[in-house]
Amino acid sequence: MLSLTSRQLNGGARLMPSPKTFTKIADHFRERILSGELEPGAKLPTNREIAGQWQAAAATVSRALQALQVENFIRTTPRGTYVADDPRWTLSARDRLARVQRVKSFLAEGETSRVTAAELITPPLYVAEIFDLEAGDQVVRREWLAGRGKTRTVFAVTWYPAPFAALVPDLLNTAPGRNHGLSARVLEATGRTITHARDDMHARPADAREASALGLPVGSPALAGAHRWSDAEGIIEYGEWCLPPRFTIGYEYQP
C-alpha cells in the first residue's frame, strides 16, 4: 500500500502518493537514535507533530513508526512514543565504516568495547588466502567485544596486514579506550583509502567461543557476518562478527 503525503492536488481532498516519505521519516529518527541525539527513554514528537513537520499523512507517520518499532528502536504507549530503554540494535559493517569516515570511530554512540586479544599470528588458510599471503606469513589478529550498558551488541575478530603493526603499534595493544579509533588510524598511517567494501552474512548457531563472549547458551541462533575493506593494493581490514539473537541491523543503499 502506498503511503500518502498531506499535500493536496490543486486544492482538492485527494492526497498524492509518496512511497518514499515514510522511509525518510523512519531514517530521520533512526539516525537520531543511532547518533545518540535521542537517548533511551527520550520521547518522540506526537504523530500529529511529525505529520506537520514532514507535511505527511497520518498513515505515513504510522507506517514509519511501525517500522522503527519492528526494528526495536522505539516503544509505543498510551502516553506517547519513546526510544526503547534497551534498544536491541547494533551497527552493520557498512554503518561502522561510515562512522570511521565521519567521526573516526567504528563504535555507535553509547557503545564501548573491550579487547580480549591482540597478536601477530600465522592465520588460518582461508584468512591467508584473503590477504594473499605466502606460507608462514603473519597477520594482526584482534578479538573484541562491544556493548551498550549491560547489553552485549557484537563479538568480533578483525585482521590486518602484519606491516600495519609497525605503523600503528596499538594494533597489538589491548588497553581500554584505544580500540574504537584504530580503523581510522590505520588509514591515516598507511595513507590508504578504502575504495571497495563487501559484507557477507548468514544465520547459524553460535559456537562455544561466540556464545561465551555474548553470554549465550552454545548453539543459540545468531547472525554472523564478515566484511572486507580494501583498495587497489589489497585488503586493508577483514572482520568477522557475531550478533546476539533478535538484534536488528540495517543500512541504506542506492538501487
C-alpha atoms as a PDB file:
ATOM      1  CA  MET A   1       0.000   0.000   0.000  1.00  0.00           C
ATOM      2  CA  LEU A   2       1.376   3.419  -0.987  1.00  0.00           C
ATOM      3  CA  SER A   3       1.986   5.961   1.746  1.00  0.00           C
ATOM      4  CA  LEU A   4       0.468   9.408   1.231  1.00  0.00           C
ATOM      5  CA  THR A   5       1.621  12.974   1.804  1.00  0.00           C
ATOM      6  CA  SER A   6      -0.598  15.720   3.146  1.00  0.00           C
ATOM      7  CA  ARG A   7      -0.001  17.921   0.118  1.00  0.00           C
ATOM      8  CA  GLN A   8      -3.236  18.186  -1.807  1.00  0.00           C
ATOM      9  CA  LEU A   9      -3.552  18.257  -5.553  1.00  0.00           C
ATOM     10  CA  ASN A  10      -4.987  21.546  -6.895  1.00  0.00           C
ATOM     11  CA  GLY A  11      -6.645  22.233  -3.548  1.00  0.00           C
ATOM     12  CA  GLY A  12      -8.643  19.016  -3.737  1.00  0.00           C
ATOM     13  CA  ALA A  13      -9.090  16.491  -0.945  1.00  0.00           C
ATOM     14  CA  ARG A  14      -7.179  13.709  -2.623  1.00  0.00           C
ATOM     15  CA  LEU A  15      -3.651  13.060  -1.298  1.00  0.00           C
ATOM     16  CA  MET A  16      -0.800  12.342  -3.657  1.00  0.00           C
ATOM     17  CA  PRO A  17       1.093   9.057  -3.150  1.00  0.00           C
ATOM     18  CA  SER A  18       4.676   9.380  -1.938  1.00  0.00           C
ATOM     19  CA  PRO A  19       6.161   5.932  -1.323  1.00  0.00           C
ATOM     20  CA  LYS A  20       9.466   7.354  -0.050  1.00  0.00           C
ATOM     21  CA  THR A  21       8.153   9.718   2.622  1.00  0.00           C
ATOM     22  CA  PHE A  22       7.706   7.090   5.333  1.00  0.00           C
ATOM     23  CA  THR A  23      11.249   5.808   4.802  1.00  0.00           C
ATOM     24  CA  LYS A  24      12.615   9.346   5.105  1.00  0.00           C
ATOM     25  CA  ILE A  25      10.787   9.814   8.402  1.00  0.00           C
ATOM     26  CA  ALA A  26      11.972   6.442   9.722  1.00  0.00           C
ATOM     27  CA  ASP A  27      15.546   7.156   8.572  1.00  0.00           C
ATOM     28  CA  HIS A  28      15.490  10.557  10.290  1.00  0.00           C
ATOM     29  CA  PHE A  29      14.574   9.160  13.695  1.00  0.00           C
ATOM     30  CA  ARG A  30      16.730   6.061  13.283  1.00  0.00           C
ATOM     31  CA  GLU A  31      19.779   8.240  12.634  1.00  0.00           C
ATOM     32  CA  ARG A  32      18.997  10.439  15.643  1.00  0.00           C
ATOM     33  CA  ILE A  33      18.779   7.337  17.834  1.00  0.00           C
ATOM     34  CA  LEU A  34      21.942   5.788  16.406  1.00  0.00           C
ATOM     35  CA  SER A  35      23.865   9.043  16.841  1.00  0.00           C
ATOM     36  CA  GLY A  36      22.807   9.318  20.481  1.00  0.00           C
ATOM     37  CA  GLU A  37      20.905  12.562  19.893  1.00  0.00           C
ATOM     38  CA  LEU A  38      17.781  10.713  21.044  1.00  0.00           C
ATOM     39  CA  GLU A  39      18.781   8.714  24.120  1.00  0.00           C
ATOM     40  CA  PRO A  40      16.988   5.638  25.528  1.00  0.00           C
ATOM     41  CA  GLY A  41      13.713   6.738  27.111  1.00  0.00           C
ATOM     42  CA  ALA A  42      13.533  10.006  25.144  1.00  0.00           C
ATOM     43  CA  LYS A  43      10.043  10.934  23.973  1.00  0.00           C
ATOM     44  CA  LEU A  44       9.405  11.458  20.267  1.00  0.00           C
ATOM     45  CA  PRO A  45       7.101  14.184  18.959  1.00  0.00           C
ATOM     46  CA  THR A  46       3.456  13.207  18.640  1.00  0.00           C
ATOM     47  CA  ASN A  47       2.242  11.671  15.387  1.00  0.00           C
ATOM     48  CA  ARG A  48       0.401  14.914  14.615  1.00  0.00           C
ATOM     49  CA  GLU A  49       3.569  16.963  15.179  1.00  0.00           C
ATOM     50  CA  ILE A  50       5.593  14.662  12.956  1.00  0.00           C
ATOM     51  CA  ALA A  51       2.898  14.821  10.272  1.00  0.00           C
ATOM     52  CA  GLY A  52       3.023  18.617  10.393  1.00  0.00           C
ATOM     53  CA  GLN A  53       6.818  18.800  10.289  1.00  0.00           C
ATOM     54  CA  TRP A  54       7.010  16.441   7.310  1.00  0.00           C
ATOM     55  CA  GLN A  55       3.758  17.524   5.631  1.00  0.00           C
ATOM     56  CA  ALA A  56       2.789  13.869   5.669  1.00  0.00           C
ATOM     57  CA  ALA A  57      -0.442  11.970   6.153  1.00  0.00           C
ATOM     58  CA  ALA A  58      -1.145  10.299   9.496  1.00  0.00           C
ATOM     59  CA  ALA A  59      -0.956   6.880   7.822  1.00  0.00           C
ATOM     60  CA  THR A  60       2.538   7.687   6.531  1.00  0.00           C
ATOM     61  CA  VAL A  61       3.754   8.641  10.010  1.00  0.00           C
ATOM     62  CA  SER A  62       2.220   5.495  11.495  1.00  0.00           C
ATOM     63  CA  ARG A  63       3.966   3.367   8.890  1.00  0.00           C
ATOM     64  CA  ALA A  64       7.330   4.975   9.659  1.00  0.00           C
ATOM     65  CA  LEU A  65       6.945   4.461  13.403  1.00  0.00           C
ATOM     66  CA  GLN A  66       5.767   0.884  12.919  1.00  0.00           C
ATOM     67  CA  ALA A  67       8.986   0.160  11.017  1.00  0.00           C
ATOM     68  CA  LEU A  68      11.064   1.576  13.879  1.00  0.00           C
ATOM     69  CA  GLN A  69       9.063  -0.424  16.404  1.00  0.00           C
ATOM     70  CA  VAL A  70       9.624  -3.663  14.471  1.00  0.00           C
ATOM     71  CA  GLU A  71      13.354  -2.836  14.467  1.00  0.00           C
ATOM     72  CA  ASN A  72      13.218  -2.352  18.272  1.00  0.00           C
ATOM     73  CA  PHE A  73      14.272   1.284  18.160  1.00  0.00           C
ATOM     74  CA  ILE A  74      11.119   2.623  19.825  1.00  0.00           C
ATOM     75  CA  ARG A  75       8.209   1.603  22.035  1.00  0.00           C
ATOM     76  CA  THR A  76       4.692   2.981  21.903  1.00  0.00           C
ATOM     77  CA  THR A  77       2.498   3.527  24.960  1.00  0.00           C
ATOM     78  CA  PRO A  78      -0.832   5.319  25.536  1.00  0.00           C
ATOM     79  CA  ARG A  79       1.244   8.271  26.790  1.00  0.00           C
ATOM     80  CA  GLY A  80       3.361   8.549  23.647  1.00  0.00           C
ATOM     81  CA  THR A  81       6.244   7.074  21.675  1.00  0.00           C
ATOM     82  CA  TYR A  82       9.667   6.649  23.301  1.00  0.00           C
ATOM     83  CA  VAL A  83      13.128   5.454  22.333  1.00  0.00           C
ATOM     84  CA  ALA A  84      13.449   1.894  23.618  1.00  0.00           C
ATOM     85  CA  ASP A  85      15.091   1.661  27.052  1.00  0.00           C
ATOM     86  CA  ASP A  86      17.314  -1.177  25.870  1.00  0.00           C
ATOM     87  CA  PRO A  87      17.190  -0.987  22.082  1.00  0.00           C
ATOM     88  CA  ARG A  88      18.285  -4.277  20.564  1.00  0.00           C
ATOM     89  CA  TRP A  89      20.179  -2.897  17.614  1.00  0.00           C
ATOM     90  CA  THR A  90      23.747  -2.523  16.536  1.00  0.00           C
ATOM     91  CA  LEU A  91      25.580  -1.102  13.541  1.00  0.00           C
ATOM     92  CA  SER A  92      26.119  -3.014  10.333  1.00  0.00           C
ATOM     93  CA  ALA A  93      29.646  -3.186   8.930  1.00  0.00           C
ATOM     94  CA  ARG A  94      28.584  -0.619   6.360  1.00  0.00           C
ATOM     95  CA  ASP A  95      27.462   1.766   9.102  1.00  0.00           C
ATOM     96  CA  ARG A  96      30.637   1.177  11.107  1.00  0.00           C
ATOM     97  CA  LEU A  97      32.703   2.120   8.065  1.00  0.00           C
ATOM     98  CA  ALA A  98      30.585   5.249   7.605  1.00  0.00           C
ATOM     99  CA  ARG A  99      31.331   6.241  11.206  1.00  0.00           C
ATOM    100  CA  VAL A 100      35.046   5.626  10.679  1.00  0.00           C
ATOM    101  CA  GLN A 101      34.937   8.016   7.743  1.00  0.00           C
ATOM    102  CA  ARG A 102      32.770  10.570   9.547  1.00  0.00           C
ATOM    103  CA  VAL A 103      33.892  10.574  13.203  1.00  0.00           C
ATOM    104  CA  LYS A 104      36.940   8.237  13.162  1.00  0.00           C
ATOM    105  CA  SER A 105      35.291   5.634  15.403  1.00  0.00           C
ATOM    106  CA  PHE A 106      33.599   2.390  14.428  1.00  0.00           C
ATOM    107  CA  LEU A 107      31.504   2.299  17.609  1.00  0.00           C
ATOM    108  CA  ALA A 108      27.973   3.680  17.862  1.00  0.00           C
ATOM    109  CA  GLU A 109      27.192   6.458  20.317  1.00  0.00           C
ATOM    110  CA  GLY A 110      26.964   4.913  23.785  1.00  0.00           C
ATOM    111  CA  GLU A 111      28.781   1.761  22.705  1.00  0.00           C
ATOM    112  CA  THR A 112      32.035   0.700  24.401  1.00  0.00           C
ATOM    113  CA  SER A 113      34.434  -2.117  23.588  1.00  0.00           C
ATOM    114  CA  ARG A 114      36.833  -4.454  25.352  1.00  0.00           C
ATOM    115  CA  VAL A 115      39.743  -6.115  23.522  1.00  0.00           C
ATOM    116  CA  THR A 116      40.380  -9.707  24.581  1.00  0.00           C
ATOM    117  CA  ALA A 117      43.301 -10.488  22.235  1.00  0.00           C
ATOM    118  CA  ALA A 118      45.745  -8.576  20.027  1.00  0.00           C
ATOM    119  CA  GLU A 119      48.568 -10.527  18.415  1.00  0.00           C
ATOM    120  CA  LEU A 120      50.687 -11.300  15.399  1.00  0.00           C
ATOM    121  CA  ILE A 121      49.895 -14.842  14.267  1.00  0.00           C
ATOM    122  CA  THR A 122      50.103 -17.176  11.332  1.00  0.00           C
ATOM    123  CA  PRO A 123      46.462 -17.136  10.211  1.00  0.00           C
ATOM    124  CA  PRO A 124      44.173 -19.973   9.147  1.00  0.00           C
ATOM    125  CA  LEU A 125      44.443 -20.856   5.473  1.00  0.00           C
ATOM    126  CA  TYR A 126      41.243 -19.053   4.452  1.00  0.00           C
ATOM    127  CA  VAL A 127      42.456 -15.794   6.043  1.00  0.00           C
ATOM    128  CA  ALA A 128      45.874 -16.189   4.392  1.00  0.00           C
ATOM    129  CA  GLU A 129      44.100 -16.531   1.045  1.00  0.00           C
ATOM    130  CA  ILE A 130      42.011 -13.402   1.676  1.00  0.00           C
ATOM    131  CA  PHE A 131      45.227 -11.420   2.297  1.00  0.00           C
ATOM    132  CA  ASP A 132      47.092 -13.251  -0.494  1.00  0.00           C
ATOM    133  CA  LEU A 133      49.856 -14.344   1.888  1.00  0.00           C
ATOM    134  CA  GLU A 134      52.700 -16.769   1.405  1.00  0.00           C
ATOM    135  CA  ALA A 135      53.039 -19.809   3.673  1.00  0.00           C
ATOM    136  CA  GLY A 136      54.247 -18.734   7.111  1.00  0.00           C
ATOM    137  CA  ASP A 137      53.367 -15.048   6.693  1.00  0.00           C
ATOM    138  CA  GLN A 138      51.691 -13.404   9.667  1.00  0.00           C
ATOM    139  CA  VAL A 139      48.768 -11.034  10.194  1.00  0.00           C
ATOM    140  CA  VAL A 140      47.481  -8.927  13.058  1.00  0.00           C
ATOM    141  CA  ARG A 141      44.510 -10.527  14.795  1.00  0.00           C
ATOM    142  CA  ARG A 142      42.326  -8.538  17.206  1.00  0.00           C
ATOM    143  CA  GLU A 143      39.430 -10.035  19.148  1.00  0.00           C
ATOM    144  CA  TRP A 144      36.951  -7.692  20.828  1.00  0.00           C
ATOM    145  CA  LEU A 145      33.509  -7.385  22.336  1.00  0.00           C
ATOM    146  CA  ALA A 146      31.268  -4.302  22.192  1.00  0.00           C
ATOM    147  CA  GLY A 147      28.281  -3.399  24.303  1.00  0.00           C
ATOM    148  CA  ARG A 148      25.929  -0.677  25.401  1.00  0.00           C
ATOM    149  CA  GLY A 149      25.351  -0.618  29.142  1.00  0.00           C
ATOM    150  CA  LYS A 150      24.788  -4.211  30.210  1.00  0.00           C
ATOM    151  CA  THR A 151      23.808  -5.294  26.692  1.00  0.00           C
ATOM    152  CA  ARG A 152      26.440  -7.010  24.550  1.00  0.00           C
ATOM    153  CA  THR A 153      25.996  -5.872  20.966  1.00  0.00           C
ATOM    154  CA  VAL A 154      28.677  -7.654  18.925  1.00  0.00           C
ATOM    155  CA  PHE A 155      31.593 -10.064  19.243  1.00  0.00           C
ATOM    156  CA  ALA A 156      34.213  -9.584  16.538  1.00  0.00           C
ATOM    157  CA  VAL A 157      37.632 -10.567  15.239  1.00  0.00           C
ATOM    158  CA  THR A 158      39.426  -8.153  12.910  1.00  0.00           C
ATOM    159  CA  TRP A 159      42.533  -8.893  10.859  1.00  0.00           C
ATOM    160  CA  TYR A 160      45.128  -6.535   9.350  1.00  0.00           C
ATOM    161  CA  PRO A 161      48.321  -6.953   7.291  1.00  0.00           C
ATOM    162  CA  ALA A 162      51.301  -7.534   9.602  1.00  0.00           C
ATOM    163  CA  PRO A 163      53.266  -4.447   8.396  1.00  0.00           C
ATOM    164  CA  PHE A 164      50.495  -2.239   9.768  1.00  0.00           C
ATOM    165  CA  ALA A 165      51.604  -3.109  13.321  1.00  0.00           C
ATOM    166  CA  ALA A 166      54.837  -1.136  12.872  1.00  0.00           C
ATOM    167  CA  LEU A 167      52.864   1.908  11.687  1.00  0.00           C
ATOM    168  CA  VAL A 168      50.125   1.628  14.321  1.00  0.00           C
ATOM    169  CA  PRO A 169      51.586  -0.118  17.408  1.00  0.00           C
ATOM    170  CA  ASP A 170      48.216  -0.017  19.178  1.00  0.00           C
ATOM    171  CA  LEU A 171      47.080  -2.788  16.848  1.00  0.00           C
ATOM    172  CA  LEU A 172      48.878  -5.073  19.294  1.00  0.00           C
ATOM    173  CA  ASN A 173      47.565  -3.262  22.378  1.00  0.00           C
ATOM    174  CA  THR A 174      44.609  -4.483  24.439  1.00  0.00           C
ATOM    175  CA  ALA A 175      44.422  -1.370  26.633  1.00  0.00           C
ATOM    176  CA  PRO A 176      40.934   0.104  27.121  1.00  0.00           C
ATOM    177  CA  GLY A 177      39.918   3.141  25.106  1.00  0.00           C
ATOM    178  CA  ARG A 178      42.158   2.558  22.109  1.00  0.00           C
ATOM    179  CA  ASN A 179      40.097   0.128  20.057  1.00  0.00           C
ATOM    180  CA  HIS A 180      37.392   2.369  18.629  1.00  0.00           C
ATOM    181  CA  GLY A 181      39.689   4.614  16.586  1.00  0.00           C
ATOM    182  CA  LEU A 182      42.074   2.027  15.159  1.00  0.00           C
ATOM    183  CA  SER A 183      40.492   1.689  11.724  1.00  0.00           C
ATOM    184  CA  ALA A 184      40.798   5.439  11.173  1.00  0.00           C
ATOM    185  CA  ARG A 185      44.379   5.475  12.480  1.00  0.00           C
ATOM    186  CA  VAL A 186      45.317   2.634  10.130  1.00  0.00           C
ATOM    187  CA  LEU A 187      44.037   4.636   7.162  1.00  0.00           C
ATOM    188  CA  GLU A 188      45.891   7.750   8.287  1.00  0.00           C
ATOM    189  CA  ALA A 189      49.177   5.924   8.980  1.00  0.00           C
ATOM    190  CA  THR A 190      49.165   3.920   5.739  1.00  0.00           C
ATOM    191  CA  GLY A 191      47.845   6.685   3.520  1.00  0.00           C
ATOM    192  CA  ARG A 192      45.374   4.254   2.015  1.00  0.00           C
ATOM    193  CA  THR A 193      41.709   4.804   1.234  1.00  0.00           C
ATOM    194  CA  ILE A 194      39.009   2.156   1.292  1.00  0.00           C
ATOM    195  CA  THR A 195      37.548   2.049  -2.214  1.00  0.00           C
ATOM    196  CA  HIS A 196      35.703  -1.262  -2.051  1.00  0.00           C
ATOM    197  CA  ALA A 197      33.708  -2.885   0.728  1.00  0.00           C
ATOM    198  CA  ARG A 198      31.768  -6.130   0.882  1.00  0.00           C
ATOM    199  CA  ASP A 199      29.626  -7.719   3.603  1.00  0.00           C
ATOM    200  CA  ASP A 200      28.537 -11.356   3.807  1.00  0.00           C
ATOM    201  CA  MET A 201      26.015 -12.515   6.418  1.00  0.00           C
ATOM    202  CA  HIS A 202      24.366 -15.760   7.418  1.00  0.00           C
ATOM    203  CA  ALA A 203      22.296 -17.087  10.311  1.00  0.00           C
ATOM    204  CA  ARG A 204      23.699 -20.037  12.237  1.00  0.00           C
ATOM    205  CA  PRO A 205      24.120 -21.399  15.786  1.00  0.00           C
ATOM    206  CA  ALA A 206      26.685 -19.585  17.950  1.00  0.00           C
ATOM    207  CA  ASP A 207      29.782 -21.671  18.637  1.00  0.00           C
ATOM    208  CA  ALA A 208      31.296 -22.022  22.115  1.00  0.00           C
ATOM    209  CA  ARG A 209      33.629 -19.022  21.811  1.00  0.00           C
ATOM    210  CA  GLU A 210      30.900 -16.720  20.449  1.00  0.00           C
ATOM    211  CA  ALA A 211      28.346 -17.915  22.996  1.00  0.00           C
ATOM    212  CA  SER A 212      30.754 -17.317  25.874  1.00  0.00           C
ATOM    213  CA  ALA A 213      31.582 -13.791  24.674  1.00  0.00           C
ATOM    214  CA  LEU A 214      27.932 -12.838  24.178  1.00  0.00           C
ATOM    215  CA  GLY A 215      26.656 -14.579  27.327  1.00  0.00           C
ATOM    216  CA  LEU A 216      24.510 -17.080  25.405  1.00  0.00           C
ATOM    217  CA  PRO A 217      23.952 -20.836  25.569  1.00  0.00           C
ATOM    218  CA  VAL A 218      26.051 -22.673  22.998  1.00  0.00           C
ATOM    219  CA  GLY A 219      24.007 -23.198  19.862  1.00  0.00           C
ATOM    220  CA  SER A 220      21.857 -20.089  20.297  1.00  0.00           C
ATOM    221  CA  PRO A 221      20.685 -18.580  16.997  1.00  0.00           C
ATOM    222  CA  ALA A 222      22.973 -15.784  15.862  1.00  0.00           C
ATOM    223  CA  LEU A 223      23.609 -13.622  12.837  1.00  0.00           C
ATOM    224  CA  ALA A 224      27.213 -13.984  11.748  1.00  0.00           C
ATOM    225  CA  GLY A 225      28.957 -11.909   9.141  1.00  0.00           C
ATOM    226  CA  ALA A 226      32.224 -10.832   7.603  1.00  0.00           C
ATOM    227  CA  HIS A 227      33.391  -7.620   5.981  1.00  0.00           C
ATOM    228  CA  ARG A 228      36.267  -6.876   3.625  1.00  0.00           C
ATOM    229  CA  TRP A 229      37.503  -3.317   3.258  1.00  0.00           C
ATOM    230  CA  SER A 230      40.090  -2.890   0.512  1.00  0.00           C
ATOM    231  CA  ASP A 231      41.705  -0.738  -2.145  1.00  0.00           C
ATOM    232  CA  ALA A 232      43.673  -1.480  -5.311  1.00  0.00           C
ATOM    233  CA  GLU A 233      46.602  -2.745  -3.212  1.00  0.00           C
ATOM    234  CA  GLY A 234      44.530  -5.354  -1.397  1.00  0.00           C
ATOM    235  CA  ILE A 235      42.735  -5.949   1.874  1.00  0.00           C
ATOM    236  CA  ILE A 236      43.055  -3.193   4.481  1.00  0.00           C
ATOM    237  CA  GLU A 237      40.773  -4.771   7.098  1.00  0.00           C
ATOM    238  CA  TYR A 238      38.967  -8.096   7.223  1.00  0.00           C
ATOM    239  CA  GLY A 239      36.491  -8.649  10.024  1.00  0.00           C
ATOM    240  CA  GLU A 240      34.265 -11.440  11.290  1.00  0.00           C
ATOM    241  CA  TRP A 241      31.439 -10.690  13.716  1.00  0.00           C
ATOM    242  CA  CYS A 242      28.514 -12.288  15.501  1.00  0.00           C
ATOM    243  CA  LEU A 243      25.349 -10.648  16.880  1.00  0.00           C
ATOM    244  CA  PRO A 244      23.080 -11.862  19.686  1.00  0.00           C
ATOM    245  CA  PRO A 245      19.610 -13.217  18.820  1.00  0.00           C
ATOM    246  CA  ARG A 246      16.872 -10.808  17.771  1.00  0.00           C
ATOM    247  CA  PHE A 247      19.241  -7.917  17.142  1.00  0.00           C
ATOM    248  CA  THR A 248      18.447  -5.586  14.261  1.00  0.00           C
ATOM    249  CA  ILE A 249      20.915  -4.178  11.752  1.00  0.00           C
ATOM    250  CA  GLY A 250      20.137  -2.264   8.615  1.00  0.00           C
ATOM    251  CA  TYR A 251      21.615   0.084   6.082  1.00  0.00           C
ATOM    252  CA  GLU A 252      20.643   2.188   3.101  1.00  0.00           C
ATOM    253  CA  TYR A 253      21.766   1.673  -0.467  1.00  0.00           C
ATOM    254  CA  GLN A 254      21.102   3.243  -3.827  1.00  0.00           C
ATOM    255  CA  PRO A 255      19.171   1.000  -6.252  1.00  0.00           C
END
